[in-house]
Amino acid sequence: MLETKDLGFVYDDGTVALEGITLAIDEGEKVALVGPNGAGKSTLLHLIAGFRMPFTGKVMVSGTALDRSSADRVRRDLGFVFQDPDDQIFMPTVEEDVAFGPRNLNLDDVEGRVSMALKSAGIEHLAKRRPHRLSYGMKKRVAIAGTLAMDPKLLLMDEPTSGLDPRSRSELIRLLRNMDKTMLIATHDLEAAAEIVDRAIVLNVAPIMEGSMRDLVLAKAVLEKAGLEIPPVSKLFNVLDSMGYQVGALPVSMDQAVAELTKVIEREGRHVHAHIHEHDHAQGDSHAHKHKRASVEDLSEED
């Protein structure tokens, strides 16, 4: 579906944005590009989409080499979802905005495409609404629907979870996880990536590592070099492991955490103990504390 070989790009002022990018994505695969701000994630998506030229190396999309002469043809196989949906939405109503791409490309069955895209994004009820009056999360869905209406073979997404409240973020993660599309997602949200993608590529101008999200959170040196932190749920299980409760596989997503915690509880015979430090400032010593030990059987439903 997508292949790059020794891909590189240098800005006009001489700044090296990317170098030595070699990757391959198969049909149906979901891959995350993870790295800190300024790592080149967005630039790489722009190169693949043919937004920035010239570049060194090679980009192949569905077997076609990307260059100036083939860019328009290659873009028909790609769907690009920008980080800020306001950069992408401009028509008076949601359905008109979703229909813009298919109409502009003279695709058939525009009405059917719009209906399919709205349903896939879960926003059929917003068809007649003015997109600029929607919440930020709903605007992101409109932008995704507008891309899906063109039925791209590869979906490129730039920081899809950024700027979202917790509920909107969870809903979008679920939407992308269940979507039957080949995806390349640029993000620094490792927890979200773990719930969506099959594997991750760590990028900081040049590739640093490639593997599963679990491989990534175990590679502390790689995370430090890339300026990334492991998800909170992984930190929690690191603490459990240090307390003597052996963790079979370090979870990265909430679903993985629930499954792993269930195994720990079953293995420990439902006697999972937590160490509680209770500080007693009334004694005048800010460092004085009492040490308690509680098991899951001691906790009420309210606790």
Protein backbone atom coordinates (compact mmCIF):
# COMPACT_ATOMS: atom_id res chain seq x y z
CA MET A 1 0.00 0.00 0.00
CA LEU A 2 2.77 2.45 0.98
CA GLU A 3 6.53 2.26 0.75
CA THR A 4 9.25 4.84 1.26
CA LYS A 5 12.97 4.31 0.74
CA ASP A 6 15.71 6.60 2.09
CA LEU A 7 13.22 9.47 2.12
CA GLY A 8 14.61 12.83 3.15
CA PHE A 9 13.61 16.48 3.14
CA VAL A 10 15.49 19.72 3.85
CA TYR A 11 13.80 23.09 4.37
CA ASP A 12 14.84 26.14 2.35
CA ASP A 13 16.92 27.47 5.27
CA GLY A 14 18.98 24.27 5.35
CA THR A 15 17.25 22.64 8.31
CA VAL A 16 17.09 18.86 7.95
CA ALA A 17 13.49 17.84 8.56
CA LEU A 18 13.74 14.14 7.70
CA GLU A 19 16.46 11.72 6.65
CA GLY A 20 16.71 8.02 5.91
CA ILE A 21 13.01 7.20 6.21
CA THR A 22 12.40 3.67 4.96
CA LEU A 23 9.06 2.07 5.81
CA ALA A 24 6.35 -0.16 4.39
CA ILE A 25 2.64 -0.41 5.25
CA ASP A 26 0.51 -3.30 4.04
CA GLU A 27 -3.14 -3.05 3.05
CA GLY A 28 -5.42 -2.99 6.10
CA GLU A 29 -2.59 -2.20 8.51
CA LYS A 30 -2.75 0.66 11.02
CA VAL A 31 0.59 2.26 11.90
CA ALA A 32 1.49 5.10 14.25
CA LEU A 33 4.26 7.64 13.76
CA VAL A 34 5.24 8.66 17.28
CA GLY A 35 7.71 11.25 18.42
CA PRO A 36 7.99 14.68 20.08
CA ASN A 37 6.99 17.98 18.52
CA GLY A 38 9.41 18.86 15.74
CA ALA A 39 10.28 15.22 15.06
CA GLY A 40 9.10 15.46 11.44
CA LYS A 41 5.85 13.49 11.78
CA SER A 42 3.66 16.04 10.00
CA THR A 43 6.35 16.69 7.39
CA LEU A 44 6.47 12.97 6.59
CA LEU A 45 2.69 12.87 6.09
CA HIS A 46 2.94 15.93 3.81
CA LEU A 47 5.64 14.27 1.72
CA ILE A 48 3.62 11.09 1.30
CA ALA A 49 0.61 13.17 0.25
CA GLY A 50 2.73 15.09 -2.27
CA PHE A 51 2.25 18.44 -0.51
CA ARG A 52 5.99 19.09 -0.28
CA MET A 53 8.48 18.66 -3.13
CA PRO A 54 11.19 18.04 -4.08
CA PHE A 55 12.46 15.36 -1.71
CA THR A 56 15.25 12.80 -1.82
CA GLY A 57 14.56 9.10 -1.88
CA LYS A 58 11.37 7.42 -3.03
CA VAL A 59 7.66 7.28 -2.14
CA MET A 60 5.47 4.54 -3.63
CA VAL A 61 1.68 4.53 -3.13
CA SER A 62 -0.25 1.52 -4.43
CA GLY A 63 2.68 0.73 -6.73
CA THR A 64 2.93 4.24 -8.23
CA ALA A 65 6.05 6.34 -7.64
CA LEU A 66 5.24 9.83 -6.37
CA ASP A 67 6.66 12.77 -8.34
CA ARG A 68 5.33 16.03 -9.74
CA SER A 69 3.78 14.33 -12.76
CA SER A 70 2.02 11.62 -10.74
CA ALA A 71 1.04 13.64 -7.66
CA ASP A 72 -2.59 14.27 -8.68
CA ARG A 73 -3.10 10.62 -9.53
CA VAL A 74 -1.47 9.39 -6.32
CA ARG A 75 -3.56 11.74 -4.16
CA ARG A 76 -6.72 9.99 -5.33
CA ASP A 77 -5.63 6.98 -3.28
CA LEU A 78 -4.94 9.09 -0.18
CA GLY A 79 -7.14 10.77 2.40
CA PHE A 80 -5.57 13.44 4.61
CA VAL A 81 -7.09 14.52 7.94
CA PHE A 82 -5.41 17.67 9.27
CA GLN A 83 -4.71 18.26 12.96
CA ASP A 84 -7.02 21.28 13.06
CA PRO A 85 -10.42 20.50 11.49
CA ASP A 86 -11.00 24.22 10.84
CA ASP A 87 -8.26 23.96 8.20
CA GLN A 88 -10.41 21.42 6.37
CA ILE A 89 -14.06 22.40 6.88
CA PHE A 90 -15.48 25.34 4.94
CA MET A 91 -18.90 24.53 3.42
CA PRO A 92 -22.24 25.85 4.83
CA THR A 93 -23.54 22.47 6.05
CA VAL A 94 -22.00 19.18 7.13
CA GLU A 95 -23.41 17.20 4.20
CA GLU A 96 -22.22 19.81 1.70
CA ASP A 97 -18.76 19.73 3.22
CA VAL A 98 -18.60 15.92 3.07
CA ALA A 99 -19.83 16.04 -0.56
CA PHE A 100 -17.21 18.58 -1.68
CA GLY A 101 -14.40 16.09 -2.29
CA PRO A 102 -16.37 13.55 -4.35
CA ARG A 103 -17.95 16.34 -6.42
CA ASN A 104 -14.61 18.02 -7.01
CA LEU A 105 -13.15 14.72 -8.21
CA ASN A 106 -16.22 13.95 -10.36
CA LEU A 107 -16.81 10.68 -8.54
CA ASP A 108 -20.01 8.72 -9.02
CA ASP A 109 -22.90 8.37 -6.55
CA VAL A 110 -22.03 11.43 -4.46
CA GLU A 111 -25.20 11.12 -2.39
CA GLY A 112 -24.43 7.50 -1.54
CA ARG A 113 -20.84 8.35 -0.68
CA VAL A 114 -21.96 11.13 1.66
CA SER A 115 -24.46 8.85 3.38
CA MET A 116 -21.81 6.15 3.85
CA ALA A 117 -19.23 8.61 5.18
CA LEU A 118 -21.62 10.25 7.64
CA LYS A 119 -22.62 6.83 8.96
CA SER A 120 -19.00 5.65 9.23
CA ALA A 121 -18.13 8.75 11.26
CA GLY A 122 -21.28 8.44 13.38
CA ILE A 123 -22.63 11.87 12.46
CA GLU A 124 -25.71 11.17 10.29
CA HIS A 125 -27.75 13.33 12.66
CA LEU A 126 -25.54 16.34 11.91
CA ALA A 127 -26.05 16.38 8.12
CA LYS A 128 -27.98 19.68 8.05
CA ARG A 129 -25.98 21.42 10.79
CA ARG A 130 -23.50 24.24 10.25
CA PRO A 131 -20.09 22.64 10.86
CA HIS A 132 -18.48 25.73 12.38
CA ARG A 133 -21.04 25.68 15.19
CA LEU A 134 -20.20 22.13 16.20
CA SER A 135 -17.91 21.08 19.05
CA TYR A 136 -14.25 20.53 18.26
CA GLY A 137 -14.70 16.77 18.53
CA MET A 138 -17.61 16.76 16.10
CA LYS A 139 -15.64 18.95 13.69
CA LYS A 140 -12.93 16.27 13.69
CA ARG A 141 -15.55 13.71 12.73
CA VAL A 142 -16.80 15.93 9.90
CA ALA A 143 -13.24 16.21 8.60
CA ILE A 144 -12.86 12.42 8.75
CA ALA A 145 -16.20 11.92 6.98
CA GLY A 146 -15.17 14.33 4.22
CA THR A 147 -12.09 12.20 3.65
CA LEU A 148 -13.93 8.88 3.81
CA ALA A 149 -16.44 10.05 1.18
CA MET A 150 -13.65 9.83 -1.40
CA ASP A 151 -12.99 6.19 -0.37
CA PRO A 152 -9.20 6.53 -0.09
CA LYS A 153 -7.03 3.43 0.04
CA LEU A 154 -4.78 5.01 2.69
CA LEU A 155 -5.84 7.39 5.44
CA LEU A 156 -3.20 9.86 6.71
CA MET A 157 -4.05 11.47 10.06
CA ASP A 158 -2.17 14.23 11.87
CA GLU A 159 -2.63 14.21 15.68
CA PRO A 160 -6.27 13.07 15.57
CA THR A 161 -6.77 13.14 19.37
CA SER A 162 -5.21 16.55 20.05
CA GLY A 163 -7.47 19.20 21.59
CA LEU A 164 -10.24 16.76 22.49
CA ASP A 165 -11.96 16.44 25.86
CA PRO A 166 -11.76 12.95 27.46
CA ARG A 167 -15.16 11.78 26.21
CA SER A 168 -14.61 12.98 22.64
CA ARG A 169 -11.14 11.44 22.67
CA SER A 170 -12.49 8.05 23.78
CA GLU A 171 -15.22 8.14 21.14
CA LEU A 172 -12.75 9.00 18.37
CA ILE A 173 -10.35 6.25 19.46
CA ARG A 174 -13.21 3.74 19.31
CA LEU A 175 -14.24 5.04 15.89
CA LEU A 176 -10.73 4.70 14.42
CA ARG A 177 -10.11 1.32 16.05
CA ASN A 178 -13.23 -0.14 14.45
CA MET A 179 -12.70 1.47 11.06
CA ASP A 180 -11.68 -0.89 8.26
CA LYS A 181 -9.05 1.34 6.67
CA THR A 182 -5.30 1.35 6.14
CA MET A 183 -3.97 4.18 8.33
CA LEU A 184 -0.80 6.08 9.06
CA ILE A 185 -1.34 8.20 12.17
CA ALA A 186 1.09 10.84 13.42
CA THR A 187 0.71 11.28 17.18
CA HIS A 188 2.47 11.77 20.49
CA ASP A 189 -0.51 10.21 22.31
CA LEU A 190 0.91 6.75 23.02
CA GLU A 191 -2.11 5.58 24.98
CA ALA A 192 -4.45 6.39 22.08
CA ALA A 193 -2.08 4.82 19.57
CA ALA A 194 -1.98 1.60 21.59
CA GLU A 195 -5.74 1.22 21.24
CA ILE A 196 -5.79 1.89 17.49
CA VAL A 197 -2.66 0.70 15.69
CA ASP A 198 -0.92 -2.58 14.95
CA ARG A 199 2.61 -1.19 15.26
CA ALA A 200 4.53 2.03 15.77
CA ILE A 201 7.47 3.79 14.17
CA VAL A 202 9.44 6.08 16.49
CA LEU A 203 10.64 9.13 14.63
CA ASN A 204 12.93 12.00 15.54
CA VAL A 205 14.10 13.35 12.16
CA ALA A 206 15.42 9.83 11.45
CA PRO A 207 13.78 6.53 12.41
CA ILE A 208 14.73 5.35 15.90
CA MET A 209 12.73 2.17 16.36
CA GLU A 210 9.91 0.12 14.88
CA GLY A 211 7.75 -2.45 16.67
CA SER A 212 4.60 -3.02 18.71
CA MET A 213 3.44 -0.49 21.27
CA ARG A 214 4.43 -2.92 24.01
CA ASP A 215 7.93 -3.14 22.53
CA LEU A 216 8.06 0.64 22.61
CA VAL A 217 7.05 1.16 26.26
CA LEU A 218 9.69 -1.37 27.32
CA ALA A 219 12.42 0.49 25.43
CA LYS A 220 13.20 3.16 28.03
CA ALA A 221 16.30 4.44 26.24
CA VAL A 222 14.32 4.89 23.01
CA LEU A 223 11.54 6.76 24.82
CA GLU A 224 14.05 9.06 26.48
CA LYS A 225 15.85 9.74 23.19
CA ALA A 226 12.53 10.52 21.49
CA GLY A 227 11.27 12.73 24.33
CA LEU A 228 8.29 10.46 25.04
CA GLU A 229 6.73 9.13 28.24
CA ILE A 230 4.98 5.81 28.71
CA PRO A 231 1.19 5.93 29.18
CA PRO A 232 -0.08 6.32 32.79
CA VAL A 233 -1.58 2.83 32.78
CA SER A 234 1.86 1.38 31.95
CA LYS A 235 3.40 3.36 34.81
CA LEU A 236 0.82 1.87 37.19
CA PHE A 237 1.73 -1.68 36.21
CA ASN A 238 5.42 -0.91 36.56
CA VAL A 239 4.65 0.00 40.18
CA LEU A 240 2.68 -3.23 40.68
CA ASP A 241 5.59 -5.20 39.26
CA SER A 242 8.03 -3.47 41.63
CA MET A 243 5.74 -4.41 44.55
CA GLY A 244 6.12 -8.07 43.71
CA TYR A 245 3.02 -8.66 41.62
CA GLN A 246 4.55 -10.09 38.49
CA VAL A 247 3.07 -8.67 35.29
CA GLY A 248 3.07 -11.03 32.33
CA ALA A 249 2.99 -8.34 29.65
CA LEU A 250 3.15 -4.63 30.33
CA PRO A 251 -0.20 -3.16 29.21
CA VAL A 252 -0.33 -0.02 27.12
CA SER A 253 -4.07 0.45 26.63
CA MET A 254 -6.96 0.27 29.10
CA ASP A 255 -8.31 -2.95 27.54
CA GLN A 256 -4.91 -4.58 27.98
CA ALA A 257 -4.72 -3.29 31.57
CA VAL A 258 -8.07 -4.82 32.52
CA ALA A 259 -7.05 -8.18 31.06
CA GLU A 260 -3.66 -8.14 32.79
CA LEU A 261 -5.09 -7.04 36.16
CA THR A 262 -7.64 -9.86 35.97
CA LYS A 263 -4.78 -12.34 35.55
CA VAL A 264 -2.89 -10.85 38.51
CA ILE A 265 -5.96 -11.05 40.79
CA GLU A 266 -6.74 -14.62 39.75
CA ARG A 267 -3.12 -15.69 40.25
CA GLU A 268 -2.93 -14.06 43.69
CA GLY A 269 -6.16 -15.72 44.80
CA ARG A 270 -7.94 -12.35 44.99
CA HIS A 271 -5.54 -11.20 47.75
CA VAL A 272 -3.96 -8.26 45.97
CA HIS A 273 -2.43 -5.98 48.61
CA ALA A 274 -1.78 -2.27 48.34
CA HIS A 275 0.69 -0.37 50.51
CA ILE A 276 -0.88 2.80 51.89
CA HIS A 277 1.20 5.56 53.45
CA GLU A 278 -0.93 7.66 55.80
CA HIS A 279 0.77 10.93 56.70
CA ASP A 280 0.20 12.25 60.24
CA HIS A 281 0.93 15.98 60.29
CA ALA A 282 -0.69 16.42 63.73
CA GLN A 283 2.46 15.08 65.42
CA GLY A 284 4.46 18.02 64.15
CA ASP A 285 6.67 15.92 61.92
CA SER A 286 5.79 16.49 58.26
CA HIS A 287 7.61 13.28 57.37
CA ALA A 288 5.94 11.04 59.96
CA HIS A 289 3.60 8.46 58.55
CA LYS A 290 1.77 5.28 59.37
CA HIS A 291 2.17 2.22 57.20
CA LYS A 292 -1.00 0.23 56.47
CA ARG A 293 -1.67 -2.81 54.35
CA ALA A 294 -5.04 -3.39 52.70
CA SER A 295 -6.36 -6.18 50.53
CA VAL A 296 -9.12 -6.07 47.95
CA GLU A 297 -11.33 -7.95 50.43
CA ASP A 298 -11.00 -5.05 52.91
CA LEU A 299 -12.40 -2.50 50.43
CA SER A 300 -16.10 -1.76 50.32
CA GLU A 301 -17.96 -1.05 47.08
CA GLU A 302 -17.86 2.63 47.98
CA ASP A 303 -14.04 2.49 48.26
